[in-house]
Amino acid sequence: MTAEKPILYALSTCSHCKSTKKLLTDCDVEYDYVQVDDLEGEERKAILADIKSLNPRCSFPTIKINKTVIVGYKEKEIKEALGIKNES
């Protein structure tokens, strides 16, 4: 599937983030997950800087799949980046 483990930056209150997490889980994709609103201090500051380097608007969810960055819940784009064929 993918060369490196995808990383999902999300907020606990975001419905699009929850949908993205469910999609990755339903597709049996191993991924790293950072719930940004649970972080504090320097750790939070560092993660936000990482997100801004990928997505200058710093909006959620932000997903990094190999060299592809997807902002928002975009099922088709996420599956394409993961190399998963759509059943449509």
PDB file of N, CA and C in Angstrom:
ATOM      1  N   MET A   1       0.832  -1.200   0.000  1.00  0.00           N
ATOM      2  CA  MET A   1       0.000   0.000   0.000  1.00  0.00           C
ATOM      3  C   MET A   1       0.866   1.249   0.000  1.00  0.00           C
ATOM      4  N   THR A   2       1.232   1.764   1.180  1.00  0.00           N
ATOM      5  CA  THR A   2       1.999   3.007   1.220  1.00  0.00           C
ATOM      6  C   THR A   2       3.411   2.736   1.720  1.00  0.00           C
ATOM      7  N   ALA A   3       4.351   3.582   1.345  1.00  0.00           N
ATOM      8  CA  ALA A   3       5.737   3.427   1.742  1.00  0.00           C
ATOM      9  C   ALA A   3       5.942   3.799   3.210  1.00  0.00           C
ATOM     10  N   GLU A   4       5.329   4.874   3.638  1.00  0.00           N
ATOM     11  CA  GLU A   4       5.440   5.266   5.040  1.00  0.00           C
ATOM     12  C   GLU A   4       4.041   5.381   5.630  1.00  0.00           C
ATOM     13  N   LYS A   5       3.974   5.268   6.948  1.00  0.00           N
ATOM     14  CA  LYS A   5       2.680   5.300   7.620  1.00  0.00           C
ATOM     15  C   LYS A   5       2.057   6.694   7.495  1.00  0.00           C
ATOM     16  N   PRO A   6       0.810   6.765   7.028  1.00  0.00           N
ATOM     17  CA  PRO A   6       0.127   8.071   6.962  1.00  0.00           C
ATOM     18  C   PRO A   6       0.002   8.682   8.352  1.00  0.00           C
ATOM     19  N   ILE A   7      -0.080   9.996   8.393  1.00  0.00           N
ATOM     20  CA  ILE A   7      -0.303  10.682   9.663  1.00  0.00           C
ATOM     21  C   ILE A   7      -1.519  11.587   9.522  1.00  0.00           C
ATOM     22  N   LEU A   8      -2.391  11.495  10.503  1.00  0.00           N
ATOM     23  CA  LEU A   8      -3.627  12.275  10.530  1.00  0.00           C
ATOM     24  C   LEU A   8      -3.552  13.260  11.687  1.00  0.00           C
ATOM     25  N   TYR A   9      -3.626  14.535  11.355  1.00  0.00           N
ATOM     26  CA  TYR A   9      -3.708  15.594  12.366  1.00  0.00           C
ATOM     27  C   TYR A   9      -5.168  15.974  12.483  1.00  0.00           C
ATOM     28  N   ALA A  10      -5.719  15.903  13.700  1.00  0.00           N
ATOM     29  CA  ALA A  10      -7.153  16.081  13.861  1.00  0.00           C
ATOM     30  C   ALA A  10      -7.496  16.799  15.167  1.00  0.00           C
ATOM     31  N   LEU A  11      -8.765  17.188  15.251  1.00  0.00           N
ATOM     32  CA  LEU A  11      -9.319  17.763  16.476  1.00  0.00           C
ATOM     33  C   LEU A  11     -10.419  16.828  16.981  1.00  0.00           C
ATOM     34  N   SER A  12     -10.551  16.722  18.286  1.00  0.00           N
ATOM     35  CA  SER A  12     -11.538  15.803  18.870  1.00  0.00           C
ATOM     36  C   SER A  12     -12.972  16.205  18.551  1.00  0.00           C
ATOM     37  N   THR A  13     -13.219  17.485  18.287  1.00  0.00           N
ATOM     38  CA  THR A  13     -14.576  17.984  18.061  1.00  0.00           C
ATOM     39  C   THR A  13     -14.962  18.066  16.583  1.00  0.00           C
ATOM     40  N   CYS A  14     -14.074  17.654  15.700  1.00  0.00           N
ATOM     41  CA  CYS A  14     -14.266  17.819  14.255  1.00  0.00           C
ATOM     42  C   CYS A  14     -14.914  16.587  13.624  1.00  0.00           C
ATOM     43  N   SER A  15     -16.090  16.759  13.047  1.00  0.00           N
ATOM     44  CA  SER A  15     -16.790  15.620  12.425  1.00  0.00           C
ATOM     45  C   SER A  15     -16.040  15.108  11.187  1.00  0.00           C
ATOM     46  N   HIS A  16     -15.406  15.995  10.433  1.00  0.00           N
ATOM     47  CA  HIS A  16     -14.630  15.566   9.259  1.00  0.00           C
ATOM     48  C   HIS A  16     -13.407  14.756   9.687  1.00  0.00           C
ATOM     49  N   CYS A  17     -12.833  15.131  10.818  1.00  0.00           N
ATOM     50  CA  CYS A  17     -11.688  14.384  11.358  1.00  0.00           C
ATOM     51  C   CYS A  17     -12.126  12.971  11.747  1.00  0.00           C
ATOM     52  N   LYS A  18     -13.277  12.869  12.394  1.00  0.00           N
ATOM     53  CA  LYS A  18     -13.804  11.562  12.799  1.00  0.00           C
ATOM     54  C   LYS A  18     -14.108  10.704  11.573  1.00  0.00           C
ATOM     55  N   SER A  19     -14.660  11.310  10.524  1.00  0.00           N
ATOM     56  CA  SER A  19     -14.947  10.570   9.288  1.00  0.00           C
ATOM     57  C   SER A  19     -13.662  10.072   8.630  1.00  0.00           C
ATOM     58  N   THR A  20     -12.624  10.897   8.657  1.00  0.00           N
ATOM     59  CA  THR A  20     -11.340  10.512   8.070  1.00  0.00           C
ATOM     60  C   THR A  20     -10.737   9.355   8.853  1.00  0.00           C
ATOM     61  N   LYS A  21     -10.783   9.442  10.161  1.00  0.00           N
ATOM     62  CA  LYS A  21     -10.263   8.373  11.018  1.00  0.00           C
ATOM     63  C   LYS A  21     -11.010   7.064  10.742  1.00  0.00           C
ATOM     64  N   LYS A  22     -12.325   7.142  10.617  1.00  0.00           N
ATOM     65  CA  LYS A  22     -13.143   5.954  10.332  1.00  0.00           C
ATOM     66  C   LYS A  22     -12.783   5.373   8.967  1.00  0.00           C
ATOM     67  N   LEU A  23     -12.606   6.229   7.963  1.00  0.00           N
ATOM     68  CA  LEU A  23     -12.240   5.766   6.623  1.00  0.00           C
ATOM     69  C   LEU A  23     -10.920   5.002   6.661  1.00  0.00           C
ATOM     70  N   LEU A  24      -9.911   5.561   7.301  1.00  0.00           N
ATOM     71  CA  LEU A  24      -8.608   4.901   7.380  1.00  0.00           C
ATOM     72  C   LEU A  24      -8.723   3.559   8.102  1.00  0.00           C
ATOM     73  N   THR A  25      -9.481   3.536   9.194  1.00  0.00           N
ATOM     74  CA  THR A  25      -9.682   2.299   9.951  1.00  0.00           C
ATOM     75  C   THR A  25     -10.439   1.269   9.116  1.00  0.00           C
ATOM     76  N   ASP A  26     -11.516   1.702   8.449  1.00  0.00           N
ATOM     77  CA  ASP A  26     -12.315   0.791   7.615  1.00  0.00           C
ATOM     78  C   ASP A  26     -11.510   0.220   6.453  1.00  0.00           C
ATOM     79  N   CYS A  27     -10.509   0.967   5.984  1.00  0.00           N
ATOM     80  CA  CYS A  27      -9.661   0.506   4.874  1.00  0.00           C
ATOM     81  C   CYS A  27      -8.461  -0.302   5.381  1.00  0.00           C
ATOM     82  N   ASP A  28      -8.441  -0.608   6.679  1.00  0.00           N
ATOM     83  CA  ASP A  28      -7.347  -1.371   7.302  1.00  0.00           C
ATOM     84  C   ASP A  28      -5.988  -0.725   7.086  1.00  0.00           C
ATOM     85  N   VAL A  29      -5.947   0.598   7.190  1.00  0.00           N
ATOM     86  CA  VAL A  29      -4.703   1.342   7.026  1.00  0.00           C
ATOM     87  C   VAL A  29      -4.114   1.630   8.406  1.00  0.00           C
ATOM     88  N   GLU A  30      -2.850   1.255   8.583  1.00  0.00           N
ATOM     89  CA  GLU A  30      -2.152   1.624   9.807  1.00  0.00           C
ATOM     90  C   GLU A  30      -1.705   3.063   9.642  1.00  0.00           C
ATOM     91  N   TYR A  31      -2.008   3.904  10.620  1.00  0.00           N
ATOM     92  CA  TYR A  31      -1.663   5.313  10.516  1.00  0.00           C
ATOM     93  C   TYR A  31      -1.344   5.873  11.893  1.00  0.00           C
ATOM     94  N   ASP A  32      -0.615   6.989  11.894  1.00  0.00           N
ATOM     95  CA  ASP A  32      -0.358   7.714  13.138  1.00  0.00           C
ATOM     96  C   ASP A  32      -1.418   8.792  13.257  1.00  0.00           C
ATOM     97  N   TYR A  33      -1.811   9.059  14.477  1.00  0.00           N
ATOM     98  CA  TYR A  33      -2.917   9.969  14.748  1.00  0.00           C
ATOM     99  C   TYR A  33      -2.490  10.967  15.817  1.00  0.00           C
ATOM    100  N   VAL A  34      -2.665  12.250  15.532  1.00  0.00           N
ATOM    101  CA  VAL A  34      -2.364  13.288  16.511  1.00  0.00           C
ATOM    102  C   VAL A  34      -3.634  14.096  16.739  1.00  0.00           C
ATOM    103  N   GLN A  35      -4.162  14.012  17.956  1.00  0.00           N
ATOM    104  CA  GLN A  35      -5.332  14.797  18.326  1.00  0.00           C
ATOM    105  C   GLN A  35      -4.798  16.106  18.914  1.00  0.00           C
ATOM    106  N   VAL A  36      -4.737  17.115  18.078  1.00  0.00           N
ATOM    107  CA  VAL A  36      -4.027  18.351  18.377  1.00  0.00           C
ATOM    108  C   VAL A  36      -4.577  19.070  19.609  1.00  0.00           C
ATOM    109  N   ASP A  37      -5.892  19.046  19.812  1.00  0.00           N
ATOM    110  CA  ASP A  37      -6.450  19.779  20.946  1.00  0.00           C
ATOM    111  C   ASP A  37      -6.152  19.119  22.294  1.00  0.00           C
ATOM    112  N   ASP A  38      -5.555  17.927  22.294  1.00  0.00           N
ATOM    113  CA  ASP A  38      -5.143  17.285  23.540  1.00  0.00           C
ATOM    114  C   ASP A  38      -3.719  17.664  23.942  1.00  0.00           C
ATOM    115  N   LEU A  39      -2.994  18.310  23.040  1.00  0.00           N
ATOM    116  CA  LEU A  39      -1.604  18.673  23.308  1.00  0.00           C
ATOM    117  C   LEU A  39      -1.526  20.014  24.032  1.00  0.00           C
ATOM    118  N   GLU A  40      -0.411  20.210  24.726  1.00  0.00           N
ATOM    119  CA  GLU A  40      -0.207  21.473  25.446  1.00  0.00           C
ATOM    120  C   GLU A  40       1.218  21.968  25.251  1.00  0.00           C
ATOM    121  N   GLY A  41       1.412  23.238  25.525  1.00  0.00           N
ATOM    122  CA  GLY A  41       2.743  23.836  25.576  1.00  0.00           C
ATOM    123  C   GLY A  41       3.570  23.671  24.322  1.00  0.00           C
ATOM    124  N   GLU A  42       4.845  23.324  24.539  1.00  0.00           N
ATOM    125  CA  GLU A  42       5.807  23.219  23.437  1.00  0.00           C
ATOM    126  C   GLU A  42       5.443  22.106  22.453  1.00  0.00           C
ATOM    127  N   GLU A  43       4.884  21.019  22.977  1.00  0.00           N
ATOM    128  CA  GLU A  43       4.491  19.913  22.100  1.00  0.00           C
ATOM    129  C   GLU A  43       3.423  20.388  21.108  1.00  0.00           C
ATOM    130  N   ARG A  44       2.440  21.105  21.612  1.00  0.00           N
ATOM    131  CA  ARG A  44       1.370  21.629  20.752  1.00  0.00           C
ATOM    132  C   ARG A  44       1.927  22.621  19.732  1.00  0.00           C
ATOM    133  N   LYS A  45       2.806  23.501  20.204  1.00  0.00           N
ATOM    134  CA  LYS A  45       3.425  24.509  19.342  1.00  0.00           C
ATOM    135  C   LYS A  45       4.208  23.836  18.206  1.00  0.00           C
ATOM    136  N   ALA A  46       4.945  22.782  18.533  1.00  0.00           N
ATOM    137  CA  ALA A  46       5.748  22.066  17.525  1.00  0.00           C
ATOM    138  C   ALA A  46       4.855  21.372  16.501  1.00  0.00           C
ATOM    139  N   ILE A  47       3.788  20.734  16.960  1.00  0.00           N
ATOM    140  CA  ILE A  47       2.870  20.045  16.046  1.00  0.00           C
ATOM    141  C   ILE A  47       2.172  21.054  15.137  1.00  0.00           C
ATOM    142  N   LEU A  48       1.733  22.184  15.691  1.00  0.00           N
ATOM    143  CA  LEU A  48       1.085  23.213  14.870  1.00  0.00           C
ATOM    144  C   LEU A  48       2.041  23.748  13.805  1.00  0.00           C
ATOM    145  N   ALA A  49       3.315  23.876  14.143  1.00  0.00           N
ATOM    146  CA  ALA A  49       4.317  24.310  13.155  1.00  0.00           C
ATOM    147  C   ALA A  49       4.446  23.261  12.042  1.00  0.00           C
ATOM    148  N   ASP A  50       4.422  21.966  12.421  1.00  0.00           N
ATOM    149  CA  ASP A  50       4.466  20.886  11.425  1.00  0.00           C
ATOM    150  C   ASP A  50       3.262  20.975  10.497  1.00  0.00           C
ATOM    151  N   ILE A  51       2.086  21.162  11.073  1.00  0.00           N
ATOM    152  CA  ILE A  51       0.859  21.229  10.275  1.00  0.00           C
ATOM    153  C   ILE A  51       0.911  22.424   9.329  1.00  0.00           C
ATOM    154  N   LYS A  52       1.337  23.578   9.834  1.00  0.00           N
ATOM    155  CA  LYS A  52       1.411  24.783   8.992  1.00  0.00           C
ATOM    156  C   LYS A  52       2.389  24.615   7.838  1.00  0.00           C
ATOM    157  N   SER A  53       3.424  23.798   8.020  1.00  0.00           N
ATOM    158  CA  SER A  53       4.368  23.557   6.920  1.00  0.00           C
ATOM    159  C   SER A  53       3.707  22.710   5.824  1.00  0.00           C
ATOM    160  N   LEU A  54       2.736  21.896   6.200  1.00  0.00           N
ATOM    161  CA  LEU A  54       2.005  21.061   5.241  1.00  0.00           C
ATOM    162  C   LEU A  54       0.781  21.786   4.688  1.00  0.00           C
ATOM    163  N   ASN A  55       0.129  22.562   5.559  1.00  0.00           N
ATOM    164  CA  ASN A  55      -1.150  23.208   5.270  1.00  0.00           C
ATOM    165  C   ASN A  55      -1.137  24.587   5.935  1.00  0.00           C
ATOM    166  N   PRO A  56      -0.715  25.616   5.203  1.00  0.00           N
ATOM    167  CA  PRO A  56      -0.566  26.961   5.789  1.00  0.00           C
ATOM    168  C   PRO A  56      -1.817  27.496   6.500  1.00  0.00           C
ATOM    169  N   ARG A  57      -3.008  27.034   6.101  1.00  0.00           N
ATOM    170  CA  ARG A  57      -4.238  27.491   6.765  1.00  0.00           C
ATOM    171  C   ARG A  57      -4.431  26.801   8.111  1.00  0.00           C
ATOM    172  N   CYS A  58      -3.689  25.726   8.330  1.00  0.00           N
ATOM    173  CA  CYS A  58      -3.744  24.970   9.580  1.00  0.00           C
ATOM    174  C   CYS A  58      -5.181  24.540   9.905  1.00  0.00           C
ATOM    175  N   SER A  59      -5.841  23.969   8.904  1.00  0.00           N
ATOM    176  CA  SER A  59      -7.211  23.498   9.092  1.00  0.00           C
ATOM    177  C   SER A  59      -7.206  21.974   9.229  1.00  0.00           C
ATOM    178  N   PHE A  60      -8.330  21.442   9.654  1.00  0.00           N
ATOM    179  CA  PHE A  60      -8.396  20.022   9.985  1.00  0.00           C
ATOM    180  C   PHE A  60      -9.541  19.330   9.269  1.00  0.00           C
ATOM    181  N   PRO A  61      -9.380  18.041   9.005  1.00  0.00           N
ATOM    182  CA  PRO A  61      -8.167  17.247   9.189  1.00  0.00           C
ATOM    183  C   PRO A  61      -7.110  17.564   8.132  1.00  0.00           C
ATOM    184  N   THR A  62      -5.873  17.355   8.521  1.00  0.00           N
ATOM    185  CA  THR A  62      -4.752  17.411   7.590  1.00  0.00           C
ATOM    186  C   THR A  62      -4.141  16.021   7.609  1.00  0.00           C
ATOM    187  N   ILE A  63      -4.033  15.403   6.440  1.00  0.00           N
ATOM    188  CA  ILE A  63      -3.519  14.047   6.332  1.00  0.00           C
ATOM    189  C   ILE A  63      -2.304  14.053   5.422  1.00  0.00           C
ATOM    190  N   LYS A  64      -1.218  13.449   5.880  1.00  0.00           N
ATOM    191  CA  LYS A  64      -0.022  13.315   5.047  1.00  0.00           C
ATOM    192  C   LYS A  64       0.135  11.844   4.713  1.00  0.00           C
ATOM    193  N   ILE A  65       0.075  11.554   3.412  1.00  0.00           N
ATOM    194  CA  ILE A  65       0.243  10.186   2.914  1.00  0.00           C
ATOM    195  C   ILE A  65       1.418  10.221   1.958  1.00  0.00           C
ATOM    196  N   ASN A  66       2.542   9.659   2.399  1.00  0.00           N
ATOM    197  CA  ASN A  66       3.801   9.759   1.662  1.00  0.00           C
ATOM    198  C   ASN A  66       4.091  11.237   1.404  1.00  0.00           C
ATOM    199  N   LYS A  67       4.170  11.678   0.158  1.00  0.00           N
ATOM    200  CA  LYS A  67       4.445  13.091  -0.133  1.00  0.00           C
ATOM    201  C   LYS A  67       3.171  13.884  -0.415  1.00  0.00           C
ATOM    202  N   THR A  68       2.017  13.238  -0.317  1.00  0.00           N
ATOM    203  CA  THR A  68       0.736  13.885  -0.600  1.00  0.00           C
ATOM    204  C   THR A  68       0.113  14.419   0.681  1.00  0.00           C
ATOM    205  N   VAL A  69      -0.353  15.662   0.623  1.00  0.00           N
ATOM    206  CA  VAL A  69      -1.062  16.258   1.751  1.00  0.00           C
ATOM    207  C   VAL A  69      -2.499  16.523   1.316  1.00  0.00           C
ATOM    208  N   ILE A  70      -3.434  16.030   2.108  1.00  0.00           N
ATOM    209  CA  ILE A  70      -4.850  16.219   1.818  1.00  0.00           C
ATOM    210  C   ILE A  70      -5.461  16.968   3.001  1.00  0.00           C
ATOM    211  N   VAL A  71      -6.176  18.030   2.690  1.00  0.00           N
ATOM    212  CA  VAL A  71      -6.816  18.839   3.725  1.00  0.00           C
ATOM    213  C   VAL A  71      -8.321  18.634   3.606  1.00  0.00           C
ATOM    214  N   GLY A  72      -8.932  18.216   4.687  1.00  0.00           N
ATOM    215  CA  GLY A  72     -10.373  17.971   4.680  1.00  0.00           C
ATOM    216  C   GLY A  72     -10.670  16.503   4.431  1.00  0.00           C
ATOM    217  N   TYR A  73     -11.937  16.160   4.578  1.00  0.00           N
ATOM    218  CA  TYR A  73     -12.366  14.788   4.333  1.00  0.00           C
ATOM    219  C   TYR A  73     -12.693  14.644   2.852  1.00  0.00           C
ATOM    220  N   LYS A  74     -11.754  14.068   2.116  1.00  0.00           N
ATOM    221  CA  LYS A  74     -11.902  13.869   0.675  1.00  0.00           C
ATOM    222  C   LYS A  74     -11.635  12.399   0.394  1.00  0.00           C
ATOM    223  N   GLU A  75     -12.692  11.601   0.541  1.00  0.00           N
ATOM    224  CA  GLU A  75     -12.561  10.146   0.465  1.00  0.00           C
ATOM    225  C   GLU A  75     -11.834   9.675  -0.787  1.00  0.00           C
ATOM    226  N   LYS A  76     -12.243  10.192  -1.949  1.00  0.00           N
ATOM    227  CA  LYS A  76     -11.637   9.747  -3.211  1.00  0.00           C
ATOM    228  C   LYS A  76     -10.135  10.042  -3.234  1.00  0.00           C
ATOM    229  N   GLU A  77      -9.752  11.254  -2.846  1.00  0.00           N
ATOM    230  CA  GLU A  77      -8.332  11.638  -2.848  1.00  0.00           C
ATOM    231  C   GLU A  77      -7.530  10.807  -1.849  1.00  0.00           C
ATOM    232  N   ILE A  78      -8.117  10.562  -0.682  1.00  0.00           N
ATOM    233  CA  ILE A  78      -7.425   9.767   0.337  1.00  0.00           C
ATOM    234  C   ILE A  78      -7.185   8.356  -0.184  1.00  0.00           C
ATOM    235  N   LYS A  79      -8.222   7.748  -0.753  1.00  0.00           N
ATOM    236  CA  LYS A  79      -8.072   6.388  -1.285  1.00  0.00           C
ATOM    237  C   LYS A  79      -7.060   6.344  -2.420  1.00  0.00           C
ATOM    238  N   GLU A  80      -7.086   7.348  -3.291  1.00  0.00           N
ATOM    239  CA  GLU A  80      -6.112   7.391  -4.392  1.00  0.00           C
ATOM    240  C   GLU A  80      -4.691   7.474  -3.843  1.00  0.00           C
ATOM    241  N   ALA A  81      -4.470   8.326  -2.846  1.00  0.00           N
ATOM    242  CA  ALA A  81      -3.138   8.484  -2.260  1.00  0.00           C
ATOM    243  C   ALA A  81      -2.669   7.199  -1.579  1.00  0.00           C
ATOM    244  N   LEU A  82      -3.620   6.418  -1.082  1.00  0.00           N
ATOM    245  CA  LEU A  82      -3.296   5.146  -0.428  1.00  0.00           C
ATOM    246  C   LEU A  82      -3.168   3.991  -1.413  1.00  0.00           C
ATOM    247  N   GLY A  83      -3.561   4.245  -2.667  1.00  0.00           N
ATOM    248  CA  GLY A  83      -3.510   3.199  -3.676  1.00  0.00           C
ATOM    249  C   GLY A  83      -4.684   2.231  -3.581  1.00  0.00           C
ATOM    250  N   ILE A  84      -5.799   2.707  -3.018  1.00  0.00           N
ATOM    251  CA  ILE A  84      -7.010   1.899  -2.874  1.00  0.00           C
ATOM    252  C   ILE A  84      -7.952   2.260  -4.006  1.00  0.00           C
ATOM    253  N   LYS A  85      -8.428   1.244  -4.698  1.00  0.00           N
ATOM    254  CA  LYS A  85      -9.361   1.485  -5.805  1.00  0.00           C
ATOM    255  C   LYS A  85     -10.771   1.702  -5.259  1.00  0.00           C
ATOM    256  N   ASN A  86     -11.482   2.673  -5.845  1.00  0.00           N
ATOM    257  CA  ASN A  86     -12.880   2.924  -5.468  1.00  0.00           C
ATOM    258  C   ASN A  86     -13.761   1.873  -6.098  1.00  0.00           C
ATOM    259  N   GLU A  87     -14.743   1.423  -5.336  1.00  0.00           N
ATOM    260  CA  GLU A  87     -15.700   0.440  -5.861  1.00  0.00           C
ATOM    261  C   GLU A  87     -16.920   1.138  -6.425  1.00  0.00           C
ATOM    262  N   SER A  88     -16.741   1.941  -7.460  1.00  0.00           N
ATOM    263  CA  SER A  88     -17.903   2.621  -8.054  1.00  0.00           C
ATOM    264  C   SER A  88     -17.904   2.510  -9.542  1.00  0.00           C
TER     265      SER A  88
END
